[in-house]
N, C-alpha and C. Protein backbone atom coordinates (compact mmCIF):
# COMPACT_ATOMS: atom_id res chain seq x y z
N MET A 1 0.45 -1.60 -0.10
CA MET A 1 -0.17 0.55 0.19
C MET A 1 0.92 1.36 0.36
N LYS A 2 0.16 2.00 -0.49
CA LYS A 2 0.88 3.13 -0.87
C LYS A 2 0.78 4.33 0.44
N SER A 3 1.82 4.96 1.34
CA SER A 3 2.06 5.66 2.04
C SER A 3 1.51 6.85 2.18
N LYS A 4 1.49 7.24 1.06
CA LYS A 4 0.12 8.41 0.58
C LYS A 4 -1.31 8.51 0.56
N ASP A 5 -1.48 7.16 0.62
CA ASP A 5 -3.01 6.62 0.98
C ASP A 5 -3.32 6.25 2.63
N ILE A 6 -2.74 5.51 3.40
CA ILE A 6 -2.63 5.30 4.34
C ILE A 6 -3.33 6.99 5.14
N ALA A 7 -2.25 7.51 4.58
CA ALA A 7 -2.02 9.28 5.41
C ALA A 7 -3.15 9.69 5.17
N LYS A 8 -3.68 8.95 3.76
CA LYS A 8 -4.52 10.29 3.21
C LYS A 8 -6.55 9.73 4.29
N ASN A 9 -5.87 8.28 4.40
CA ASN A 9 -7.17 7.56 5.37
C ASN A 9 -7.37 8.06 6.39
N ASN A 10 -5.88 7.77 7.41
CA ASN A 10 -5.86 8.75 8.82
C ASN A 10 -5.90 10.62 8.95
N GLY A 11 -6.31 11.14 7.81
CA GLY A 11 -5.82 12.31 8.58
C GLY A 11 -4.32 13.00 8.65
N ILE A 12 -3.79 12.19 8.32
CA ILE A 12 -2.20 12.91 8.77
C ILE A 12 -1.52 13.32 7.31
N ASP A 13 -0.66 14.24 7.31
CA ASP A 13 0.60 14.86 6.69
C ASP A 13 1.55 14.02 5.41
N PRO A 14 1.07 13.52 4.57
CA PRO A 14 2.02 13.12 3.89
C PRO A 14 3.11 12.85 3.65
N ARG A 15 3.92 14.57 3.36
CA ARG A 15 5.19 13.77 3.90
C ARG A 15 5.82 14.09 5.63
N ALA A 16 4.74 14.80 6.16
CA ALA A 16 5.41 14.09 7.44
C ALA A 16 5.42 12.74 8.36
N PHE A 17 4.61 11.49 7.71
CA PHE A 17 4.82 10.13 7.41
C PHE A 17 5.86 9.80 6.90
N ASP A 18 6.10 10.03 5.10
CA ASP A 18 6.63 9.55 4.34
C ASP A 18 8.95 9.92 5.55
N GLY A 19 8.05 11.58 5.93
CA GLY A 19 9.85 11.84 6.42
C GLY A 19 10.38 10.79 7.84
N TRP A 20 9.01 10.32 9.00
CA TRP A 20 8.24 8.82 10.02
C TRP A 20 9.37 8.23 8.93
N LEU A 21 8.71 7.65 8.17
CA LEU A 21 8.46 5.95 7.78
C LEU A 21 9.79 5.84 6.79
N ARG A 22 10.67 6.91 6.98
CA ARG A 22 12.01 6.71 5.89
C ARG A 22 12.97 6.12 7.11
N VAL A 23 12.78 6.37 7.80
CA VAL A 23 13.67 6.64 9.34
C VAL A 23 12.99 5.24 9.95
N SER A 24 12.03 5.38 9.95
CA SER A 24 11.64 4.08 10.92
C SER A 24 12.11 3.04 10.70
N SER A 25 11.68 1.84 11.76
CA SER A 25 12.10 0.06 11.25
C SER A 25 10.88 -0.69 10.39
N PHE A 26 10.50 0.83 9.70
CA PHE A 26 8.97 -0.72 9.37
C PHE A 26 9.39 -0.89 7.18
N PRO A 27 9.32 -1.94 7.37
CA PRO A 27 9.67 -2.15 5.83
C PRO A 27 9.23 -1.64 4.36
N HIS A 28 9.57 -0.50 3.39
CA HIS A 28 9.57 0.32 2.79
C HIS A 28 9.96 0.21 1.87
N LYS A 29 9.97 0.73 0.54
CA LYS A 29 10.43 1.16 -1.09
C LYS A 29 9.61 2.21 -1.40
N SER A 30 11.12 3.19 -1.84
CA SER A 30 10.42 4.02 -2.40
C SER A 30 9.87 3.28 -4.44
N GLY A 31 9.31 4.28 -4.91
CA GLY A 31 8.14 4.27 -5.81
C GLY A 31 9.17 4.91 -7.27
N MET A 32 8.41 4.80 -8.31
CA MET A 32 9.61 5.32 -9.73
C MET A 32 9.08 7.48 -9.22
N THR A 33 8.42 7.29 -8.63
CA THR A 33 7.36 8.53 -8.64
C THR A 33 8.43 9.18 -6.97
N GLY A 34 8.83 8.72 -6.44
CA GLY A 34 8.77 8.94 -5.94
C GLY A 34 8.67 9.24 -4.28
N GLY A 35 6.94 8.51 -4.03
CA GLY A 35 6.39 8.35 -3.19
C GLY A 35 6.76 7.00 -2.58
N LEU A 36 6.72 6.32 -0.70
CA LEU A 36 6.61 5.48 -0.30
C LEU A 36 5.50 4.32 -1.02
N THR A 37 6.07 2.97 -0.50
CA THR A 37 5.31 1.63 -0.96
C THR A 37 6.00 0.96 0.00
N VAL A 38 4.96 0.39 1.82
CA VAL A 38 5.42 0.24 2.75
C VAL A 38 4.48 -1.73 2.15
N ASP A 39 5.40 -2.25 2.47
CA ASP A 39 5.67 -3.71 2.74
C ASP A 39 4.06 -4.76 3.49
N ASP A 40 3.65 -5.51 2.41
CA ASP A 40 2.47 -5.72 2.93
C ASP A 40 2.47 -6.41 3.85
N THR A 41 3.68 -6.98 4.33
CA THR A 41 3.05 -7.60 5.87
C THR A 41 3.06 -6.46 6.85
N VAL A 42 2.56 -5.34 6.11
CA VAL A 42 2.85 -4.73 7.32
C VAL A 42 1.71 -3.62 8.05
N ASP A 43 0.67 -4.06 8.80
CA ASP A 43 -0.53 -3.85 9.81
C ASP A 43 -0.64 -2.04 9.19
N PRO A 44 -1.35 -2.18 8.56
CA PRO A 44 -1.76 -0.07 8.36
C PRO A 44 -1.48 0.42 9.71
N ASP A 45 -2.84 -0.44 10.56
CA ASP A 45 -3.29 0.48 11.84
C ASP A 45 -2.49 0.68 12.69
N GLU A 46 -1.29 -0.57 12.97
CA GLU A 46 0.19 -0.70 14.26
C GLU A 46 0.87 0.07 13.50
N LEU A 47 0.89 0.92 11.38
CA LEU A 47 1.14 1.41 11.62
C LEU A 47 1.75 3.07 11.69
N VAL A 48 -0.31 3.09 12.11
CA VAL A 48 -0.41 4.57 11.91
C VAL A 48 -0.74 4.89 13.69
N ARG A 49 -1.10 3.35 14.06
CA ARG A 49 -0.29 4.27 15.94
C ARG A 49 1.18 4.06 16.32
N ALA A 50 2.08 3.68 15.81
CA ALA A 50 3.49 3.91 15.34
C ALA A 50 3.93 5.11 15.27
N TYR A 51 3.13 5.55 14.61
CA TYR A 51 3.07 6.95 13.98
C TYR A 51 3.18 8.51 14.89
N ASN A 52 1.54 7.52 15.55
CA ASN A 52 0.74 9.00 16.32
C ASN A 52 1.35 9.25 17.96
N GLU A 53 2.11 7.70 17.88
CA GLU A 53 3.03 7.87 19.56
C GLU A 53 4.16 8.97 19.06
N TYR A 54 5.07 8.60 17.78
CA TYR A 54 6.46 8.88 17.68
C TYR A 54 5.80 11.15 17.72
N VAL A 55 4.34 11.09 17.10
CA VAL A 55 4.34 12.37 17.02
C VAL A 55 3.74 12.75 18.25
N VAL A 56 2.85 12.66 19.52
CA VAL A 56 2.70 13.15 20.97
C VAL A 56 4.37 12.64 21.55
N GLN A 57 5.16 11.71 21.26
CA GLN A 57 6.92 12.58 21.38
C GLN A 57 7.46 13.51 21.43
N GLU A 58 7.51 13.61 20.32
CA GLU A 58 8.31 14.59 19.44
C GLU A 58 8.00 15.58 19.72
N ARG A 59 6.24 16.06 20.05
CA ARG A 59 5.90 17.06 21.36
C ARG A 59 6.55 17.57 22.08
N GLU A 60 5.79 15.93 22.47
CA GLU A 60 6.27 16.24 23.87
C GLU A 60 8.23 17.08 23.97
N ARG A 61 8.66 16.63 23.56
CA ARG A 61 10.21 16.95 23.63
C ARG A 61 10.84 18.49 23.21
N LEU A 62 9.50 18.77 21.56
CA LEU A 62 9.61 19.66 21.31
C LEU A 62 9.45 21.43 22.74
N ALA A 63 7.93 20.33 22.97
CA ALA A 63 8.02 21.53 24.04
C ALA A 63 8.53 21.31 26.00
N GLN A 64 9.40 20.22 26.35
CA GLN A 64 10.66 20.71 26.74
C GLN A 64 11.43 21.52 26.52
N GLU A 65 12.03 21.31 25.79
CA GLU A 65 13.46 21.72 25.15
C GLU A 65 13.07 23.07 25.26
N GLN A 66 11.19 23.98 24.36
CA GLN A 66 10.96 25.05 24.90
C GLN A 66 10.76 25.94 25.95
N ALA A 67 10.82 24.35 26.56
CA ALA A 67 10.29 25.25 28.14
C ALA A 67 11.79 25.13 29.01
N ALA A 68 12.63 24.51 28.02
CA ALA A 68 14.41 24.89 29.37
C ALA A 68 15.34 26.44 28.24
N LEU A 69 14.97 25.98 27.15
CA LEU A 69 14.46 27.75 26.70
C LEU A 69 14.39 28.68 27.11
N ALA A 70 13.23 28.68 27.29
CA ALA A 70 12.19 29.39 28.28
C ALA A 70 13.47 29.97 29.94
N GLU A 71 13.06 29.04 29.77
CA GLU A 71 13.71 28.70 31.29
C GLU A 71 15.47 29.82 31.54
N GLU A 72 16.29 29.06 30.60
CA GLU A 72 17.10 29.86 30.44
C GLU A 72 17.70 31.42 29.87
N GLN A 73 16.05 32.03 29.12
CA GLN A 73 16.29 33.17 28.71
C GLN A 73 16.23 33.63 29.47
N ALA A 74 14.53 33.46 30.95
CA ALA A 74 14.99 34.18 31.91
C ALA A 74 15.71 34.05 32.52
N GLY A 75 16.68 32.93 32.69
CA GLY A 75 17.92 32.93 33.84
C GLY A 75 19.24 34.47 33.00
N ILE A 76 19.12 34.42 31.75
CA ILE A 76 20.32 35.65 30.68
C ILE A 76 19.19 36.88 31.30
N ASP A 77 17.36 37.31 30.90
CA ASP A 77 17.20 38.08 31.87
C ASP A 77 17.52 39.11 32.83
N ARG A 78 17.78 37.75 33.51
CA ARG A 78 17.09 37.97 35.69
C ARG A 78 18.99 38.76 36.01
N ALA A 79 19.73 38.28 34.89
CA ALA A 79 21.47 39.19 35.18
C ALA A 79 21.38 39.72 34.86
N PHE A 80 21.26 40.08 33.08
CA PHE A 80 20.81 41.42 32.90
C PHE A 80 20.64 42.61 33.76
N ALA A 81 19.22 42.09 34.46
CA ALA A 81 18.70 43.11 34.94
C ALA A 81 19.64 43.14 36.94
N GLU A 82 19.95 42.37 36.93
CA GLU A 82 20.94 42.68 38.30
C GLU A 82 22.06 43.00 37.87
N LYS A 83 22.45 42.97 36.00
CA LYS A 83 23.43 43.78 36.59
C LYS A 83 23.91 45.01 35.78
N GLN A 84 22.49 45.10 36.05
CA GLN A 84 21.54 47.24 35.47
C GLN A 84 21.59 47.22 36.37
N GLN A 85 21.51 46.74 37.48
CA GLN A 85 21.10 46.84 38.15
C GLN A 85 22.08 47.31 39.43
N GLU A 86 22.94 46.83 39.86
CA GLU A 86 24.50 46.77 40.16
C GLU A 86 25.48 48.26 39.52
N LEU A 87 24.80 48.04 38.35
CA LEU A 87 25.70 49.23 37.61
C LEU A 87 25.53 50.48 37.75
N ALA A 88 24.34 51.04 37.64
CA ALA A 88 23.16 52.14 38.29
C ALA A 88 23.41 52.51 39.94
N SER A 89 24.04 51.58 40.69
CA SER A 89 24.34 52.17 41.44
C SER A 89 25.55 52.17 42.12
N MET A 90 26.70 52.23 41.27
CA MET A 90 28.27 51.64 41.72
C MET A 90 28.21 52.97 41.39
N LEU A 91 29.60 53.73 42.87
CA LEU A 91 29.52 55.01 42.59
C LEU A 91 30.75 55.06 42.48
N ILE A 92 31.30 56.72 41.67
CA ILE A 92 31.68 56.51 41.33
C ILE A 92 32.30 58.23 41.61
N THR A 93 33.70 58.29 41.91
CA THR A 93 34.33 60.23 41.64
C THR A 93 36.08 60.33 40.94
N SER A 94 36.04 61.63 41.35
CA SER A 94 37.24 62.01 41.23
C SER A 94 38.32 62.09 41.93
N GLY A 95 37.56 61.93 43.02
CA GLY A 95 38.38 61.23 45.16
C GLY A 95 39.78 60.37 45.02
N PHE A 96 38.77 60.05 46.20
CA PHE A 96 39.21 58.96 46.19
C PHE A 96 39.46 58.05 47.46
N ASN A 97 38.17 58.29 48.57
CA ASN A 97 36.81 58.06 49.37
C ASN A 97 35.97 58.37 48.98
N PHE A 98 34.99 57.82 49.95
CA PHE A 98 34.25 58.26 49.56
C PHE A 98 32.97 58.14 51.28
N ASP A 99 32.11 58.91 51.03
CA ASP A 99 32.12 59.38 52.96
C ASP A 99 30.91 57.96 53.43
N GLY A 100 31.51 57.98 54.36
CA GLY A 100 30.75 56.53 55.36
C GLY A 100 30.97 55.53 54.40
N TYR A 101 32.04 55.43 53.60
CA TYR A 101 32.66 53.98 53.25
C TYR A 101 34.36 53.67 53.99
N THR A 102 34.16 52.23 53.67
CA THR A 102 35.28 52.07 53.44
C THR A 102 35.97 50.97 52.61
N ILE A 103 36.90 51.35 51.68
CA ILE A 103 37.83 50.72 50.78
C ILE A 103 38.19 49.20 51.46
N THR A 104 38.04 48.48 51.07
CA THR A 104 38.08 46.85 51.40
C THR A 104 39.17 46.31 50.46
N LYS A 105 39.36 46.48 49.44
CA LYS A 105 39.75 46.35 48.05
C LYS A 105 40.57 46.85 46.54
N TYR A 106 41.61 47.04 46.33
CA TYR A 106 41.63 47.61 45.31
C TYR A 106 42.39 46.95 44.09
N SER A 107 41.30 47.20 42.81
CA SER A 107 41.69 45.77 41.89
C SER A 107 42.43 46.58 41.32
N GLY A 108 43.10 47.48 40.83
CA GLY A 108 44.12 48.04 39.19
C GLY A 108 43.24 49.31 38.49
N TYR A 109 44.11 49.93 38.00
CA TYR A 109 43.71 50.86 36.93
C TYR A 109 42.63 50.04 35.72
N ILE A 110 41.57 50.82 35.00
CA ILE A 110 40.72 50.88 34.68
C ILE A 110 40.37 51.39 33.55
N SER A 111 39.94 51.16 32.90
CA SER A 111 39.53 52.18 31.77
C SER A 111 39.12 51.89 30.95
N GLY A 112 37.64 53.67 30.35
CA GLY A 112 36.77 53.57 28.95
C GLY A 112 36.81 54.80 28.33
N ASP A 113 36.72 54.02 26.92
CA ASP A 113 36.58 54.90 25.69
C ASP A 113 35.69 54.99 24.65
N SER A 114 35.75 56.09 24.67
CA SER A 114 34.99 56.64 23.36
C SER A 114 34.68 57.46 22.30
N ALA A 115 34.64 57.68 20.98
CA ALA A 115 35.29 58.77 20.07
C ALA A 115 33.91 58.90 19.60
N VAL A 116 34.04 59.50 18.63
CA VAL A 116 32.54 61.14 17.65
C VAL A 116 33.29 61.22 16.58
N GLU A 117 32.58 61.20 15.34
CA GLU A 117 32.78 62.07 14.58
C GLU A 117 32.78 63.23 14.17
N VAL A 118 32.82 64.35 14.19
CA VAL A 118 32.26 65.46 13.61
C VAL A 118 32.39 65.89 12.35
N ALA A 119 31.78 66.25 11.58
CA ALA A 119 31.43 66.79 9.55
C ALA A 119 32.53 68.15 9.79
N ARG A 120 32.88 68.72 9.09
CA ARG A 120 32.96 69.83 8.88
C ARG A 120 33.22 70.54 8.61
N PRO A 121 33.63 72.13 9.28
CA PRO A 121 31.68 73.54 8.98
C PRO A 121 32.48 73.74 6.94
N THR A 122 31.24 74.32 7.11
CA THR A 122 31.54 74.30 5.26
C THR A 122 31.80 76.07 4.77
N GLN A 123 31.33 77.30 6.33
CA GLN A 123 31.04 78.04 6.13
C GLN A 123 31.07 79.17 8.06
N GLY A 124 33.04 77.68 8.21
CA GLY A 124 32.78 78.35 9.56
C GLY A 124 32.27 77.95 10.67
N TRP A 125 33.06 77.87 11.82
CA TRP A 125 32.24 76.85 12.36
C TRP A 125 30.81 77.79 13.52
N PHE A 126 30.85 78.76 13.72
CA PHE A 126 29.89 79.45 13.51
C PHE A 126 28.42 80.03 12.40
N GLY A 127 28.99 79.51 11.52
CA GLY A 127 28.48 80.06 10.25
C GLY A 127 26.69 79.63 9.87
N VAL A 128 26.32 80.14 9.30
CA VAL A 128 24.64 79.72 8.75
C VAL A 128 24.25 78.42 9.10
N ARG A 129 24.86 77.35 8.37
CA ARG A 129 24.97 76.23 8.07
C ARG A 129 24.82 75.90 9.52
N GLY A 130 24.66 76.39 10.57
CA GLY A 130 24.40 75.20 12.12
C GLY A 130 25.23 75.25 12.45
N ASN A 131 25.31 75.83 14.71
CA ASN A 131 25.79 75.62 15.05
C ASN A 131 27.37 74.59 15.81
N VAL A 132 28.32 74.65 14.52
CA VAL A 132 28.68 73.89 14.85
C VAL A 132 29.68 73.61 16.64
N GLY A 133 29.93 74.48 17.06
CA GLY A 133 30.77 74.23 18.36
C GLY A 133 29.86 73.98 19.61
N SER A 134 28.39 74.20 18.50
CA SER A 134 27.04 73.23 19.68
C SER A 134 26.88 71.54 19.60
N ASP A 135 27.60 71.61 18.43
CA ASP A 135 27.04 69.90 18.23
C ASP A 135 28.17 70.07 18.50
N LEU A 136 29.30 70.02 18.65
CA LEU A 136 30.67 69.18 19.30
C LEU A 136 30.60 68.98 20.57
N MET A 137 29.86 70.00 20.98
CA MET A 137 29.92 69.82 23.03
C MET A 137 28.99 69.03 23.32
N ASP A 138 27.83 68.71 22.34
CA ASP A 138 26.81 67.76 23.24
C ASP A 138 27.47 65.99 22.23
N SER A 139 27.97 66.45 21.41
CA SER A 139 28.58 65.02 20.87
C SER A 139 29.70 64.29 21.90
N LEU A 140 30.63 65.89 23.03
CA LEU A 140 31.38 65.43 24.78
C LEU A 140 30.79 65.05 25.28
N VAL A 141 29.40 65.73 24.75
CA VAL A 141 29.20 65.09 26.37
C VAL A 141 28.95 63.24 25.92
N HIS A 142 28.04 62.93 25.16
CA HIS A 142 27.58 61.37 24.67
C HIS A 142 28.72 60.65 25.15
N ILE A 143 30.10 61.11 24.16
CA ILE A 143 31.63 60.00 24.12
C ILE A 143 32.21 60.33 25.89
N ARG A 144 31.19 60.75 26.62
CA ARG A 144 32.29 61.18 28.18
C ARG A 144 30.58 59.93 29.03
N ARG A 145 29.69 60.66 28.44
CA ARG A 145 29.05 59.09 28.98
C ARG A 145 28.99 57.95 28.62
N GLU A 146 29.12 58.12 27.73
CA GLU A 146 29.92 56.97 27.14
C GLU A 146 30.98 55.85 27.19
N ALA A 147 32.21 56.93 27.52
CA ALA A 147 33.07 55.87 28.64
C ALA A 147 33.36 56.07 29.56
N LEU A 148 32.35 56.26 30.16
CA LEU A 148 32.17 55.81 31.70
C LEU A 148 31.17 54.95 31.77
N ALA A 149 30.10 54.47 31.40
CA ALA A 149 29.99 53.31 30.90
C ALA A 149 30.65 52.57 30.35
N GLU A 150 31.41 52.93 29.85
CA GLU A 150 32.23 51.53 29.15
C GLU A 150 33.44 51.25 30.72
N LEU A 151 33.67 52.28 31.53
CA LEU A 151 34.38 52.53 32.38
C LEU A 151 33.86 51.96 33.73
N LYS A 152 32.49 51.17 33.68
CA LYS A 152 32.01 50.80 35.07
C LYS A 152 31.63 50.04 34.36
N GLU A 153 31.58 49.53 33.20
CA GLU A 153 31.62 47.70 33.05
C GLU A 153 33.22 46.76 33.18
N SER A 154 33.42 47.70 33.49
CA SER A 154 35.30 47.39 33.69
C SER A 154 35.38 46.88 34.93
N ALA A 155 35.33 47.72 35.85
CA ALA A 155 34.59 47.69 37.02
C ALA A 155 33.78 46.43 38.01
N TYR A 156 33.09 46.54 36.84
CA TYR A 156 31.79 44.99 37.24
C TYR A 156 32.41 44.08 37.12
N ASP A 157 33.36 43.43 36.22
CA ASP A 157 34.06 42.76 35.35
C ASP A 157 34.68 42.72 36.62
N LEU A 158 35.59 43.04 36.70
CA LEU A 158 36.55 42.65 38.42
C LEU A 158 35.78 42.48 39.10
N GLY A 159 34.52 42.19 39.31
CA GLY A 159 33.75 42.44 41.07
C GLY A 159 33.88 43.23 41.57
N CYS A 160 33.70 44.47 41.29
CA CYS A 160 34.22 45.86 41.65
C CYS A 160 32.87 46.57 41.65
N ASN A 161 32.72 47.38 43.23
CA ASN A 161 31.26 48.08 42.59
C ASN A 161 31.12 49.73 43.35
N ALA A 162 33.07 49.88 42.71
CA ALA A 162 33.25 52.08 43.21
C ALA A 162 34.18 52.07 42.34
N VAL A 163 34.42 53.63 41.68
CA VAL A 163 35.81 53.94 40.19
C VAL A 163 36.26 54.65 41.54
N ILE A 164 37.35 54.78 41.89
CA ILE A 164 37.85 56.26 42.77
C ILE A 164 39.25 56.69 41.58
N GLY A 165 39.04 58.60 41.67
CA GLY A 165 40.63 58.66 40.85
C GLY A 165 40.22 58.78 39.33
N VAL A 166 38.42 59.18 38.68
CA VAL A 166 38.05 59.08 37.69
C VAL A 166 38.91 60.86 37.30
N ASP A 167 39.43 60.48 36.20
CA ASP A 167 40.12 61.91 34.98
C ASP A 167 38.95 61.54 33.46
N PHE A 168 39.49 62.26 32.85
CA PHE A 168 38.97 62.52 31.19
C PHE A 168 40.41 62.34 30.60
N ASP A 169 41.23 61.71 29.49
CA ASP A 169 41.35 62.51 28.68
C ASP A 169 41.09 62.61 27.16
N TYR A 170 41.96 63.67 26.93
CA TYR A 170 40.64 63.70 25.79
C TYR A 170 41.77 63.37 24.42
N LEU A 171 41.39 63.64 22.56
CA LEU A 171 41.97 62.51 21.94
C LEU A 171 40.99 63.99 21.13
N THR A 172 42.22 64.54 20.42
CA THR A 172 41.42 65.20 18.39
C THR A 172 42.33 65.11 17.29
N LEU A 173 41.91 64.17 16.74
CA LEU A 173 42.24 64.32 15.72
C LEU A 173 41.92 65.01 13.91
N ASP A 174 42.84 65.30 13.16
CA ASP A 174 42.54 66.06 12.12
C ASP A 174 43.01 65.39 11.03
N PRO A 175 42.36 64.77 10.54
CA PRO A 175 42.24 63.94 9.63
C PRO A 175 42.82 64.12 7.96
N GLU A 176 43.66 63.93 7.28
CA GLU A 176 43.56 63.83 6.24
C GLU A 176 44.26 63.48 5.01
N THR A 177 43.55 63.13 4.05
CA THR A 177 44.32 62.01 3.25
C THR A 177 44.36 62.91 1.60
N VAL A 178 45.00 62.18 0.35
CA VAL A 178 45.76 63.11 -0.63
C VAL A 178 44.94 62.35 -2.10
N THR A 179 43.79 63.47 -2.44
CA THR A 179 43.37 63.03 -4.05
C THR A 179 43.73 62.22 -4.91
N SER A 180 43.10 61.71 -5.23
CA SER A 180 43.73 61.11 -6.73
C SER A 180 44.80 62.36 -7.71
N GLN A 181 44.21 63.51 -7.71
CA GLN A 181 44.01 64.65 -8.43
C GLN A 181 45.41 65.27 -7.96
N GLY A 182 45.44 64.66 -6.52
CA GLY A 182 47.47 64.97 -5.97
C GLY A 182 47.28 65.87 -4.67
N GLY A 183 45.34 66.71 -4.64
CA GLY A 183 45.25 67.50 -3.98
C GLY A 183 45.05 66.90 -2.65
N THR A 184 44.32 67.37 -1.26
CA THR A 184 43.86 67.20 -0.14
C THR A 184 42.92 67.01 0.58
N LEU A 185 42.09 65.55 0.42
CA LEU A 185 40.83 66.23 1.71
C LEU A 185 41.46 65.58 2.18
N TYR A 186 40.17 66.82 2.79
CA TYR A 186 40.01 66.34 4.45
C TYR A 186 38.73 65.59 5.37
N LEU A 187 38.99 65.11 6.06
CA LEU A 187 38.14 64.13 6.84
C LEU A 187 37.85 64.83 7.78
N PRO A 188 36.47 63.89 8.16
CA PRO A 188 35.61 64.95 9.65
C PRO A 188 36.94 64.06 10.55
N PHE A 189 36.64 65.81 11.23
CA PHE A 189 37.01 65.18 12.09
C PHE A 189 36.75 64.84 13.77
N LEU A 190 37.95 63.72 14.17
CA LEU A 190 37.70 62.74 15.50
C LEU A 190 37.92 62.81 16.83
N PHE A 191 37.09 62.57 17.52
CA PHE A 191 37.01 63.56 19.20
C PHE A 191 36.72 61.96 20.13
N GLY A 192 37.79 61.90 20.61
CA GLY A 192 38.06 60.55 21.15
C GLY A 192 38.18 60.95 22.61
N VAL A 193 37.40 60.08 23.46
CA VAL A 193 37.74 60.12 25.38
C VAL A 193 37.55 59.00 26.26
N THR A 194 39.06 58.94 26.81
CA THR A 194 39.10 57.53 28.04
C THR A 194 39.39 58.70 29.17
N ALA A 195 37.74 57.55 29.75
CA ALA A 195 37.89 58.16 31.48
C ALA A 195 38.47 56.90 32.08
N ASN A 196 39.45 57.40 33.21
CA ASN A 196 40.58 56.39 34.29
C ASN A 196 39.94 56.42 35.46
N GLY A 197 40.57 55.39 35.68
CA GLY A 197 40.16 55.25 37.46
C GLY A 197 41.18 53.90 38.20
N ASN A 198 40.44 54.08 39.74
CA ASN A 198 42.01 52.62 39.80
C ASN A 198 39.31 52.03 40.46
N ALA A 199 39.51 50.22 40.50
CA ALA A 199 38.37 50.09 40.43
C ALA A 199 38.33 48.93 42.36
N VAL A 200 37.68 49.29 42.40
CA VAL A 200 37.18 49.07 44.62
C VAL A 200 36.77 48.64 44.89
N ILE A 201 36.32 47.76 45.70
CA ILE A 201 34.80 47.30 46.19
C ILE A 201 34.79 48.29 47.75
N ILE A 202 33.67 49.03 47.65
CA ILE A 202 33.87 49.23 49.26
C ILE A 202 32.89 49.13 49.68
N GLU A 203 32.09 49.17 51.24
CA GLU A 203 32.18 48.36 52.19
C GLU A 203 31.06 49.90 53.29
N LYS A 204 29.74 50.01 53.36
CA LYS A 204 29.38 50.81 54.35
C LYS A 204 29.92 50.69 55.59
N LYS A 205 31.15 52.09 56.79
CA LYS A 205 31.74 51.87 57.66
C LYS A 205 29.97 51.57 58.86
C-alpha cells in the first residue's frame, strides 16, 4: 500500500508521514515517482499507531526544549537586570574615598573609551549652516557618558562596586588624505575621550 493513501485515510500529513517512515524500522521502498510503498506484511493500523506515538513523543520533546529555552532566557534576563541595577548603583568619584564607606579592596587601573566624528563646517564654525560648536559639545557629552559606562563595565567585570580617582583624557585628530588629483581631502574631525580610574570594592562603615 502506498504511504500517501495510508496518510490520506487517517488524516495525516503525507510529507511528515513519509519523513518518519524513511527512518522507521517498518519495511518500505521508494516508488518510481518518489513516493513510498509500505510492505504488504505491515498492518496499516499498527503503522498509524506507531506514527501517532512518535508525534506525541516529538511534541513532548519540543515542549521540553521550549521550556528549557524559556528558563534559560529568563535566567539571562534576570542576570542582565541584576547587572544593570549594580551598574546604576555603582559609585564613582574623582577623589579617592567615599564618605561613610571603607575601601576593602583595590583591583587596579581601568579605563573606558569612546569617540565621535564631527563633520567639518563649510562656512565657519558658527556659520549659517548650523552651530558646529554646539554640536561638538553635545557630542563630547555623549562620548563622556559612553566612556563612563564602559569604565563601570570594566569595574563590574573585576567584581568591584565603585571607581575612584576618575579623570578624562581627550584626543583630537584632524585626519586628511591625498586625492587622486594630488590635492588634499580633509576628513571629518575625530574626537575621543578616555575615562580613567581605579576599581575598588567599598563597604559601608
